[in-house]
All heavy atoms as atom14 arrays in JSON, in Angstrom:
{
  "sequence": "SNSLVINMLQSSYSTCVLVSEENKEAIITPKEKRGKYVVCFDPLDGS",
  "atom14_mask": [
    [1, 1, 1, 1, 1, 1, 0, 0, 0, 0, 0, 0, 0, 0],
    [1, 1, 1, 1, 1, 1, 1, 1, 0, 0, 0, 0, 0, 0],
    [1, 1, 1, 1, 1, 1, 0, 0, 0, 0, 0, 0, 0, 0],
    [1, 1, 1, 1, 1, 1, 1, 1, 0, 0, 0, 0, 0, 0],
    [1, 1, 1, 1, 1, 1, 1, 0, 0, 0, 0, 0, 0, 0],
    [1, 1, 1, 1, 1, 1, 1, 1, 0, 0, 0, 0, 0, 0],
    [1, 1, 1, 1, 1, 1, 1, 1, 0, 0, 0, 0, 0, 0],
    [1, 1, 1, 1, 1, 1, 1, 1, 0, 0, 0, 0, 0, 0],
    [1, 1, 1, 1, 1, 1, 1, 1, 0, 0, 0, 0, 0, 0],
    [1, 1, 1, 1, 1, 1, 1, 1, 1, 0, 0, 0, 0, 0],
    [1, 1, 1, 1, 1, 1, 0, 0, 0, 0, 0, 0, 0, 0],
    [1, 1, 1, 1, 1, 1, 0, 0, 0, 0, 0, 0, 0, 0],
    [1, 1, 1, 1, 1, 1, 1, 1, 1, 1, 1, 1, 0, 0],
    [1, 1, 1, 1, 1, 1, 0, 0, 0, 0, 0, 0, 0, 0],
    [1, 1, 1, 1, 1, 1, 1, 0, 0, 0, 0, 0, 0, 0],
    [1, 1, 1, 1, 1, 1, 0, 0, 0, 0, 0, 0, 0, 0],
    [1, 1, 1, 1, 1, 1, 1, 0, 0, 0, 0, 0, 0, 0],
    [1, 1, 1, 1, 1, 1, 1, 1, 0, 0, 0, 0, 0, 0],
    [1, 1, 1, 1, 1, 1, 1, 0, 0, 0, 0, 0, 0, 0],
    [1, 1, 1, 1, 1, 1, 0, 0, 0, 0, 0, 0, 0, 0],
    [1, 1, 1, 1, 1, 1, 1, 1, 1, 0, 0, 0, 0, 0],
    [1, 1, 1, 1, 1, 1, 1, 1, 1, 0, 0, 0, 0, 0],
    [1, 1, 1, 1, 1, 1, 1, 1, 0, 0, 0, 0, 0, 0],
    [1, 1, 1, 1, 1, 1, 1, 1, 1, 0, 0, 0, 0, 0],
    [1, 1, 1, 1, 1, 1, 1, 1, 1, 0, 0, 0, 0, 0],
    [1, 1, 1, 1, 1, 0, 0, 0, 0, 0, 0, 0, 0, 0],
    [1, 1, 1, 1, 1, 1, 1, 1, 0, 0, 0, 0, 0, 0],
    [1, 1, 1, 1, 1, 1, 1, 1, 0, 0, 0, 0, 0, 0],
    [1, 1, 1, 1, 1, 1, 1, 0, 0, 0, 0, 0, 0, 0],
    [1, 1, 1, 1, 1, 1, 1, 0, 0, 0, 0, 0, 0, 0],
    [1, 1, 1, 1, 1, 1, 1, 1, 1, 0, 0, 0, 0, 0],
    [1, 1, 1, 1, 1, 1, 1, 1, 1, 0, 0, 0, 0, 0],
    [1, 1, 1, 1, 1, 1, 1, 1, 1, 0, 0, 0, 0, 0],
    [1, 1, 1, 1, 1, 1, 1, 1, 1, 1, 1, 0, 0, 0],
    [1, 1, 1, 1, 0, 0, 0, 0, 0, 0, 0, 0, 0, 0],
    [1, 1, 1, 1, 1, 1, 1, 1, 1, 0, 0, 0, 0, 0],
    [1, 1, 1, 1, 1, 1, 1, 1, 1, 1, 1, 1, 0, 0],
    [1, 1, 1, 1, 1, 1, 1, 0, 0, 0, 0, 0, 0, 0],
    [1, 1, 1, 1, 1, 1, 1, 0, 0, 0, 0, 0, 0, 0],
    [1, 1, 1, 1, 1, 1, 0, 0, 0, 0, 0, 0, 0, 0],
    [1, 1, 1, 1, 1, 1, 1, 1, 1, 1, 1, 0, 0, 0],
    [1, 1, 1, 1, 1, 1, 1, 1, 0, 0, 0, 0, 0, 0],
    [1, 1, 1, 1, 1, 1, 1, 0, 0, 0, 0, 0, 0, 0],
    [1, 1, 1, 1, 1, 1, 1, 1, 0, 0, 0, 0, 0, 0],
    [1, 1, 1, 1, 1, 1, 1, 1, 0, 0, 0, 0, 0, 0],
    [1, 1, 1, 1, 0, 0, 0, 0, 0, 0, 0, 0, 0, 0],
    [1, 1, 1, 1, 1, 1, 0, 0, 0, 0, 0, 0, 0, 0]
  ],
  "atom14_positions": [
    [[160.17, 79.97, 105.04], [159.19, 79.65, 106.15], [159.0, 80.86, 107.08], [157.92, 81.1, 107.54], [159.81, 78.49, 107.01], [160.07, 77.38, 106.21], [0.0, 0.0, 0.0], [0.0, 0.0, 0.0], [0.0, 0.0, 0.0], [0.0, 0.0, 0.0], [0.0, 0.0, 0.0], [0.0, 0.0, 0.0], [0.0, 0.0, 0.0], [0.0, 0.0, 0.0]],
    [[160.11, 81.62, 107.27], [160.04, 82.81, 108.13], [159.07, 83.83, 107.54], [158.18, 84.31, 108.28], [161.46, 83.44, 108.23], [161.55, 84.45, 109.31], [160.99, 84.26, 110.42], [162.24, 85.52, 109.11], [0.0, 0.0, 0.0], [0.0, 0.0, 0.0], [0.0, 0.0, 0.0], [0.0, 0.0, 0.0], [0.0, 0.0, 0.0], [0.0, 0.0, 0.0]],
    [[159.14, 84.02, 106.24], [158.22, 84.98, 105.56], [156.82, 84.5, 105.68], [155.86, 85.29, 105.95], [158.6, 85.14, 104.05], [159.92, 85.58, 103.96], [0.0, 0.0, 0.0], [0.0, 0.0, 0.0], [0.0, 0.0, 0.0], [0.0, 0.0, 0.0], [0.0, 0.0, 0.0], [0.0, 0.0, 0.0], [0.0, 0.0, 0.0], [0.0, 0.0, 0.0]],
    [[156.58, 83.21, 105.51], [155.22, 82.67, 105.59], [154.63, 82.91, 106.96], [153.5, 83.37, 107.08], [155.23, 81.2, 105.31], [155.34, 80.73, 103.89], [155.66, 79.22, 103.78], [154.06, 81.0, 103.09], [0.0, 0.0, 0.0], [0.0, 0.0, 0.0], [0.0, 0.0, 0.0], [0.0, 0.0, 0.0], [0.0, 0.0, 0.0], [0.0, 0.0, 0.0]],
    [[155.41, 82.6, 108.0], [154.85, 82.74, 109.37], [154.61, 84.25, 109.66], [153.53, 84.6, 110.15], [155.81, 82.17, 110.4], [155.34, 82.44, 111.88], [155.96, 80.71, 110.22], [0.0, 0.0, 0.0], [0.0, 0.0, 0.0], [0.0, 0.0, 0.0], [0.0, 0.0, 0.0], [0.0, 0.0, 0.0], [0.0, 0.0, 0.0], [0.0, 0.0, 0.0]],
    [[155.52, 85.12, 109.34], [155.37, 86.55, 109.57], [154.13, 87.11, 108.86], [153.25, 87.77, 109.47], [156.61, 87.36, 109.16], [157.78, 87.02, 110.08], [156.36, 88.89, 109.28], [159.13, 87.47, 109.61], [0.0, 0.0, 0.0], [0.0, 0.0, 0.0], [0.0, 0.0, 0.0], [0.0, 0.0, 0.0], [0.0, 0.0, 0.0], [0.0, 0.0, 0.0]],
    [[153.98, 86.78, 107.57], [152.88, 87.22, 106.78], [151.5, 86.78, 107.31], [150.55, 87.55, 107.41], [153.04, 86.87, 105.31], [154.2, 87.61, 104.65], [154.68, 88.62, 105.23], [154.64, 87.09, 103.57], [0.0, 0.0, 0.0], [0.0, 0.0, 0.0], [0.0, 0.0, 0.0], [0.0, 0.0, 0.0], [0.0, 0.0, 0.0], [0.0, 0.0, 0.0]],
    [[151.51, 85.46, 107.66], [150.25, 84.96, 108.18], [149.83, 85.52, 109.51], [148.66, 85.87, 109.75], [150.34, 83.39, 108.36], [150.31, 82.63, 107.02], [148.71, 82.88, 106.25], [149.01, 82.04, 104.71], [0.0, 0.0, 0.0], [0.0, 0.0, 0.0], [0.0, 0.0, 0.0], [0.0, 0.0, 0.0], [0.0, 0.0, 0.0], [0.0, 0.0, 0.0]],
    [[150.79, 85.7, 110.41], [150.52, 86.24, 111.75], [150.1, 87.72, 111.65], [149.16, 88.14, 112.31], [151.74, 86.1, 112.72], [152.08, 84.68, 113.08], [153.3, 84.63, 113.93], [150.92, 84.04, 113.96], [0.0, 0.0, 0.0], [0.0, 0.0, 0.0], [0.0, 0.0, 0.0], [0.0, 0.0, 0.0], [0.0, 0.0, 0.0], [0.0, 0.0, 0.0]],
    [[150.74, 88.45, 110.81], [150.41, 89.89, 110.7], [149.01, 90.08, 110.05], [148.24, 90.94, 110.45], [151.48, 90.69, 109.91], [152.76, 90.77, 110.75], [153.78, 91.77, 110.18], [153.82, 92.03, 108.97], [154.58, 92.3, 111.01], [0.0, 0.0, 0.0], [0.0, 0.0, 0.0], [0.0, 0.0, 0.0], [0.0, 0.0, 0.0], [0.0, 0.0, 0.0]],
    [[148.74, 89.21, 109.06], [147.41, 89.36, 108.4], [146.29, 88.78, 109.14], [145.14, 88.8, 108.79], [147.46, 88.73, 106.98], [147.84, 87.41, 107.04], [0.0, 0.0, 0.0], [0.0, 0.0, 0.0], [0.0, 0.0, 0.0], [0.0, 0.0, 0.0], [0.0, 0.0, 0.0], [0.0, 0.0, 0.0], [0.0, 0.0, 0.0], [0.0, 0.0, 0.0]],
    [[146.57, 88.19, 110.38], [145.49, 87.73, 111.22], [144.89, 88.83, 112.07], [143.91, 88.67, 112.8], [146.08, 86.61, 112.19], [146.84, 87.24, 113.2], [0.0, 0.0, 0.0], [0.0, 0.0, 0.0], [0.0, 0.0, 0.0], [0.0, 0.0, 0.0], [0.0, 0.0, 0.0], [0.0, 0.0, 0.0], [0.0, 0.0, 0.0], [0.0, 0.0, 0.0]],
    [[145.51, 89.98, 112.04], [145.08, 91.19, 112.79], [145.08, 90.91, 114.31], [144.33, 91.58, 115.04], [143.71, 91.68, 112.3], [143.81, 92.32, 110.97], [143.8, 91.53, 109.78], [143.81, 93.71, 110.8], [143.93, 92.15, 108.55], [143.88, 94.3, 109.56], [143.98, 93.5, 108.43], [144.03, 94.14, 107.19], [0.0, 0.0, 0.0], [0.0, 0.0, 0.0]],
    [[145.8, 89.95, 114.81], [145.74, 89.67, 116.25], [147.13, 89.79, 116.94], [147.2, 89.54, 118.12], [145.18, 88.28, 116.44], [145.87, 87.3, 115.69], [0.0, 0.0, 0.0], [0.0, 0.0, 0.0], [0.0, 0.0, 0.0], [0.0, 0.0, 0.0], [0.0, 0.0, 0.0], [0.0, 0.0, 0.0], [0.0, 0.0, 0.0], [0.0, 0.0, 0.0]],
    [[148.14, 90.13, 116.19], [149.49, 90.21, 116.86], [150.03, 91.6, 116.82], [149.63, 92.46, 116.06], [150.53, 89.34, 116.04], [150.64, 89.88, 114.74], [150.02, 87.92, 115.95], [0.0, 0.0, 0.0], [0.0, 0.0, 0.0], [0.0, 0.0, 0.0], [0.0, 0.0, 0.0], [0.0, 0.0, 0.0], [0.0, 0.0, 0.0], [0.0, 0.0, 0.0]],
    [[150.89, 91.9, 117.82], [151.58, 93.23, 117.86], [153.08, 93.15, 117.79], [153.75, 93.97, 117.23], [151.13, 94.05, 119.14], [151.33, 93.1, 120.63], [0.0, 0.0, 0.0], [0.0, 0.0, 0.0], [0.0, 0.0, 0.0], [0.0, 0.0, 0.0], [0.0, 0.0, 0.0], [0.0, 0.0, 0.0], [0.0, 0.0, 0.0], [0.0, 0.0, 0.0]],
    [[153.61, 92.05, 118.37], [155.1, 91.85, 118.38], [155.39, 90.4, 118.01], [154.76, 89.5, 118.5], [155.73, 92.16, 119.81], [157.21, 91.93, 119.74], [155.38, 93.57, 120.23], [0.0, 0.0, 0.0], [0.0, 0.0, 0.0], [0.0, 0.0, 0.0], [0.0, 0.0, 0.0], [0.0, 0.0, 0.0], [0.0, 0.0, 0.0], [0.0, 0.0, 0.0]],
    [[156.31, 90.23, 117.04], [156.78, 88.88, 116.61], [158.24, 88.79, 116.85], [159.04, 89.7, 116.57], [156.49, 88.71, 115.11], [155.05, 88.94, 114.62], [155.0, 88.67, 113.12], [154.1, 88.09, 115.38], [0.0, 0.0, 0.0], [0.0, 0.0, 0.0], [0.0, 0.0, 0.0], [0.0, 0.0, 0.0], [0.0, 0.0, 0.0], [0.0, 0.0, 0.0]],
    [[158.63, 87.69, 117.46], [160.06, 87.4, 117.67], [160.39, 86.14, 116.93], [159.8, 85.09, 117.14], [160.43, 87.21, 119.19], [161.87, 86.71, 119.35], [160.17, 88.51, 119.88], [0.0, 0.0, 0.0], [0.0, 0.0, 0.0], [0.0, 0.0, 0.0], [0.0, 0.0, 0.0], [0.0, 0.0, 0.0], [0.0, 0.0, 0.0], [0.0, 0.0, 0.0]],
    [[161.32, 86.21, 115.96], [161.71, 85.07, 115.18], [163.19, 84.78, 115.33], [163.98, 85.66, 115.5], [161.42, 85.32, 113.64], [162.05, 84.32, 112.9], [0.0, 0.0, 0.0], [0.0, 0.0, 0.0], [0.0, 0.0, 0.0], [0.0, 0.0, 0.0], [0.0, 0.0, 0.0], [0.0, 0.0, 0.0], [0.0, 0.0, 0.0], [0.0, 0.0, 0.0]],
    [[163.54, 83.44, 115.24], [164.97, 83.1, 115.24], [165.7, 83.8, 114.18], [166.89, 84.06, 114.32], [165.11, 81.53, 115.17], [166.57, 81.19, 115.38], [166.92, 79.8, 114.88], [166.27, 79.3, 113.92], [167.93, 79.25, 115.37], [0.0, 0.0, 0.0], [0.0, 0.0, 0.0], [0.0, 0.0, 0.0], [0.0, 0.0, 0.0], [0.0, 0.0, 0.0]],
    [[165.06, 84.0, 113.09], [165.73, 84.48, 111.86], [165.92, 85.97, 111.85], [166.53, 86.52, 110.93], [164.92, 84.03, 110.62], [164.6, 82.54, 110.53], [165.87, 81.68, 110.39], [166.99, 82.19, 110.11], [165.76, 80.47, 110.58], [0.0, 0.0, 0.0], [0.0, 0.0, 0.0], [0.0, 0.0, 0.0], [0.0, 0.0, 0.0], [0.0, 0.0, 0.0]],
    [[165.31, 86.73, 112.73], [165.32, 88.19, 112.73], [166.1, 88.74, 113.97], [165.74, 88.39, 115.05], [163.99, 88.79, 112.65], [163.33, 88.47, 111.33], [162.8, 87.35, 111.14], [163.3, 89.44, 110.41], [0.0, 0.0, 0.0], [0.0, 0.0, 0.0], [0.0, 0.0, 0.0], [0.0, 0.0, 0.0], [0.0, 0.0, 0.0], [0.0, 0.0, 0.0]],
    [[167.06, 89.58, 113.77], [167.89, 90.1, 114.89], [166.99, 90.93, 115.79], [167.11, 90.81, 117.01], [168.95, 91.0, 114.35], [170.0, 91.48, 115.33], [171.1, 92.22, 114.74], [172.1, 92.61, 115.83], [173.21, 93.37, 115.28], [0.0, 0.0, 0.0], [0.0, 0.0, 0.0], [0.0, 0.0, 0.0], [0.0, 0.0, 0.0], [0.0, 0.0, 0.0]],
    [[166.11, 91.72, 115.29], [165.19, 92.6, 116.12], [163.78, 91.95, 116.14], [163.38, 91.21, 115.24], [165.11, 94.01, 115.5], [166.42, 94.63, 115.04], [167.19, 95.21, 116.22], [166.54, 95.49, 117.24], [168.44, 95.34, 116.11], [0.0, 0.0, 0.0], [0.0, 0.0, 0.0], [0.0, 0.0, 0.0], [0.0, 0.0, 0.0], [0.0, 0.0, 0.0]],
    [[163.02, 92.38, 117.14], [161.61, 91.93, 117.15], [160.92, 92.69, 116.01], [161.28, 93.79, 115.61], [160.98, 92.36, 118.45], [0.0, 0.0, 0.0], [0.0, 0.0, 0.0], [0.0, 0.0, 0.0], [0.0, 0.0, 0.0], [0.0, 0.0, 0.0], [0.0, 0.0, 0.0], [0.0, 0.0, 0.0], [0.0, 0.0, 0.0], [0.0, 0.0, 0.0]],
    [[159.85, 92.11, 115.47], [159.15, 92.64, 114.33], [157.79, 93.26, 114.94], [157.08, 92.55, 115.66], [158.76, 91.54, 113.32], [160.06, 90.89, 112.75], [157.94, 92.08, 112.15], [159.83, 89.45, 112.34], [0.0, 0.0, 0.0], [0.0, 0.0, 0.0], [0.0, 0.0, 0.0], [0.0, 0.0, 0.0], [0.0, 0.0, 0.0], [0.0, 0.0, 0.0]],
    [[157.65, 94.49, 114.73], [156.44, 95.19, 115.22], [155.39, 95.23, 114.08], [155.71, 95.69, 113.02], [156.82, 96.66, 115.65], [158.03, 96.69, 116.6], [155.56, 97.34, 116.33], [157.85, 95.82, 117.9], [0.0, 0.0, 0.0], [0.0, 0.0, 0.0], [0.0, 0.0, 0.0], [0.0, 0.0, 0.0], [0.0, 0.0, 0.0], [0.0, 0.0, 0.0]],
    [[154.28, 94.75, 114.44], [153.16, 94.65, 113.42], [152.64, 96.12, 113.09], [152.57, 96.92, 114.03], [151.98, 93.82, 113.99], [152.44, 92.52, 114.25], [150.91, 93.71, 112.97], [0.0, 0.0, 0.0], [0.0, 0.0, 0.0], [0.0, 0.0, 0.0], [0.0, 0.0, 0.0], [0.0, 0.0, 0.0], [0.0, 0.0, 0.0], [0.0, 0.0, 0.0]],
    [[152.48, 96.42, 111.85], [152.01, 97.75, 111.46], [150.71, 98.1, 112.26], [149.86, 97.19, 112.44], [151.72, 97.64, 109.95], [152.49, 96.58, 109.49], [152.64, 95.53, 110.67], [0.0, 0.0, 0.0], [0.0, 0.0, 0.0], [0.0, 0.0, 0.0], [0.0, 0.0, 0.0], [0.0, 0.0, 0.0], [0.0, 0.0, 0.0], [0.0, 0.0, 0.0]],
    [[150.6, 99.42, 112.57], [149.44, 99.87, 113.41], [148.07, 99.36, 112.95], [147.29, 98.91, 113.68], [149.4, 101.38, 113.39], [149.79, 102.0, 114.79], [149.38, 103.46, 114.88], [149.6, 103.94, 116.27], [150.87, 104.72, 116.42], [0.0, 0.0, 0.0], [0.0, 0.0, 0.0], [0.0, 0.0, 0.0], [0.0, 0.0, 0.0], [0.0, 0.0, 0.0]],
    [[147.83, 99.45, 111.64], [146.47, 99.07, 111.1], [146.15, 97.59, 111.22], [145.08, 97.19, 111.01], [146.4, 99.55, 109.68], [147.17, 98.87, 108.59], [148.64, 99.39, 108.5], [149.04, 100.23, 109.35], [149.38, 98.96, 107.64], [0.0, 0.0, 0.0], [0.0, 0.0, 0.0], [0.0, 0.0, 0.0], [0.0, 0.0, 0.0], [0.0, 0.0, 0.0]],
    [[147.24, 96.75, 111.49], [146.97, 95.34, 111.61], [147.17, 94.73, 113.0], [147.18, 93.55, 113.21], [147.89, 94.59, 110.61], [147.63, 94.81, 109.16], [148.52, 93.92, 108.3], [148.16, 94.02, 106.85], [149.11, 93.21, 106.03], [0.0, 0.0, 0.0], [0.0, 0.0, 0.0], [0.0, 0.0, 0.0], [0.0, 0.0, 0.0], [0.0, 0.0, 0.0]],
    [[147.34, 95.61, 113.96], [147.68, 95.19, 115.31], [146.55, 94.56, 116.13], [145.45, 94.86, 116.06], [148.23, 96.41, 116.1], [149.69, 96.47, 116.12], [150.2, 97.68, 116.88], [151.4, 98.22, 116.18], [151.9, 99.42, 116.43], [151.29, 100.16, 117.27], [153.05, 99.8, 115.77], [0.0, 0.0, 0.0], [0.0, 0.0, 0.0], [0.0, 0.0, 0.0]],
    [[147.05, 93.57, 116.89], [146.12, 92.96, 117.93], [146.87, 92.88, 119.26], [147.78, 93.6, 119.46], [0.0, 0.0, 0.0], [0.0, 0.0, 0.0], [0.0, 0.0, 0.0], [0.0, 0.0, 0.0], [0.0, 0.0, 0.0], [0.0, 0.0, 0.0], [0.0, 0.0, 0.0], [0.0, 0.0, 0.0], [0.0, 0.0, 0.0], [0.0, 0.0, 0.0]],
    [[146.44, 91.94, 120.14], [146.96, 92.01, 121.51], [147.98, 90.94, 121.82], [148.37, 90.75, 123.03], [145.81, 92.02, 122.51], [144.95, 90.72, 122.35], [143.77, 90.81, 123.35], [142.8, 89.61, 123.13], [141.59, 89.73, 123.86], [0.0, 0.0, 0.0], [0.0, 0.0, 0.0], [0.0, 0.0, 0.0], [0.0, 0.0, 0.0], [0.0, 0.0, 0.0]],
    [[148.37, 90.14, 120.81], [149.21, 88.99, 121.11], [150.71, 89.14, 120.67], [150.94, 89.81, 119.66], [148.6, 87.68, 120.53], [147.36, 87.29, 121.17], [146.13, 87.54, 120.55], [147.32, 86.72, 122.46], [144.88, 87.22, 121.18], [146.14, 86.42, 123.1], [144.93, 86.65, 122.45], [143.71, 86.33, 123.04], [0.0, 0.0, 0.0], [0.0, 0.0, 0.0]],
    [[151.57, 88.53, 121.5], [153.01, 88.48, 121.17], [153.33, 87.05, 120.78], [152.92, 86.1, 121.48], [153.82, 88.95, 122.39], [155.35, 88.81, 122.13], [153.43, 90.28, 122.85], [0.0, 0.0, 0.0], [0.0, 0.0, 0.0], [0.0, 0.0, 0.0], [0.0, 0.0, 0.0], [0.0, 0.0, 0.0], [0.0, 0.0, 0.0], [0.0, 0.0, 0.0]],
    [[153.96, 86.85, 119.64], [154.29, 85.48, 119.18], [155.8, 85.34, 118.99], [156.43, 86.09, 118.33], [153.54, 85.11, 117.91], [153.74, 83.61, 117.59], [152.05, 85.36, 118.01], [0.0, 0.0, 0.0], [0.0, 0.0, 0.0], [0.0, 0.0, 0.0], [0.0, 0.0, 0.0], [0.0, 0.0, 0.0], [0.0, 0.0, 0.0], [0.0, 0.0, 0.0]],
    [[156.32, 84.31, 119.66], [157.76, 83.96, 119.55], [157.89, 82.62, 118.76], [157.11, 81.67, 119.12], [158.49, 83.79, 120.87], [158.27, 85.27, 121.92], [0.0, 0.0, 0.0], [0.0, 0.0, 0.0], [0.0, 0.0, 0.0], [0.0, 0.0, 0.0], [0.0, 0.0, 0.0], [0.0, 0.0, 0.0], [0.0, 0.0, 0.0], [0.0, 0.0, 0.0]],
    [[158.6, 82.54, 117.65], [158.67, 81.33, 116.89], [160.01, 81.0, 116.24], [160.78, 81.92, 116.0], [157.57, 81.35, 115.82], [157.72, 82.55, 114.85], [158.45, 82.42, 113.73], [157.14, 83.75, 115.18], [158.6, 83.46, 112.83], [157.3, 84.85, 114.3], [158.04, 84.64, 113.1], [0.0, 0.0, 0.0], [0.0, 0.0, 0.0], [0.0, 0.0, 0.0]],
    [[160.23, 79.75, 116.06], [161.32, 79.29, 115.22], [160.73, 78.66, 114.01], [160.08, 77.67, 114.05], [162.16, 78.21, 115.97], [163.45, 77.81, 115.19], [163.49, 78.08, 113.98], [164.26, 77.15, 115.82], [0.0, 0.0, 0.0], [0.0, 0.0, 0.0], [0.0, 0.0, 0.0], [0.0, 0.0, 0.0], [0.0, 0.0, 0.0], [0.0, 0.0, 0.0]],
    [[160.77, 79.38, 112.85], [159.95, 78.99, 111.67], [160.38, 77.63, 111.14], [159.5, 76.87, 110.69], [160.24, 80.11, 110.69], [161.46, 80.71, 111.08], [161.53, 80.59, 112.54], [0.0, 0.0, 0.0], [0.0, 0.0, 0.0], [0.0, 0.0, 0.0], [0.0, 0.0, 0.0], [0.0, 0.0, 0.0], [0.0, 0.0, 0.0], [0.0, 0.0, 0.0]],
    [[161.69, 77.22, 111.22], [162.09, 75.99, 110.76], [163.26, 75.44, 111.56], [164.39, 75.81, 111.29], [162.48, 76.06, 109.25], [162.27, 74.72, 108.48], [160.86, 74.21, 108.54], [162.77, 74.8, 107.03], [0.0, 0.0, 0.0], [0.0, 0.0, 0.0], [0.0, 0.0, 0.0], [0.0, 0.0, 0.0], [0.0, 0.0, 0.0], [0.0, 0.0, 0.0]],
    [[162.94, 74.65, 112.54], [163.94, 74.19, 113.49], [164.56, 72.9, 112.96], [163.86, 72.11, 112.33], [163.27, 73.92, 114.89], [164.24, 73.43, 115.89], [165.03, 74.31, 116.33], [164.32, 72.32, 116.18], [0.0, 0.0, 0.0], [0.0, 0.0, 0.0], [0.0, 0.0, 0.0], [0.0, 0.0, 0.0], [0.0, 0.0, 0.0], [0.0, 0.0, 0.0]],
    [[165.89, 72.75, 113.21], [166.57, 71.59, 112.69], [166.95, 71.67, 111.24], [167.1, 70.67, 110.51], [0.0, 0.0, 0.0], [0.0, 0.0, 0.0], [0.0, 0.0, 0.0], [0.0, 0.0, 0.0], [0.0, 0.0, 0.0], [0.0, 0.0, 0.0], [0.0, 0.0, 0.0], [0.0, 0.0, 0.0], [0.0, 0.0, 0.0], [0.0, 0.0, 0.0]],
    [[167.11, 72.93, 110.8], [167.22, 73.07, 109.29], [168.63, 72.55, 108.79], [168.71, 72.34, 107.62], [167.1, 74.54, 108.91], [167.85, 75.43, 109.78], [0.0, 0.0, 0.0], [0.0, 0.0, 0.0], [0.0, 0.0, 0.0], [0.0, 0.0, 0.0], [0.0, 0.0, 0.0], [0.0, 0.0, 0.0], [0.0, 0.0, 0.0], [0.0, 0.0, 0.0]]
  ]
}
């Protein structure tokens, strides 16, 4: 689920920083895919 959310958000070309429950560090979107939004998410809560 974490991979799905990260891949979808980065390929939307609208995000720059992603914060996931599953990743210790924030994920910075590669320069060529960057947009202006920051998304914080828990990909699968209650697992």
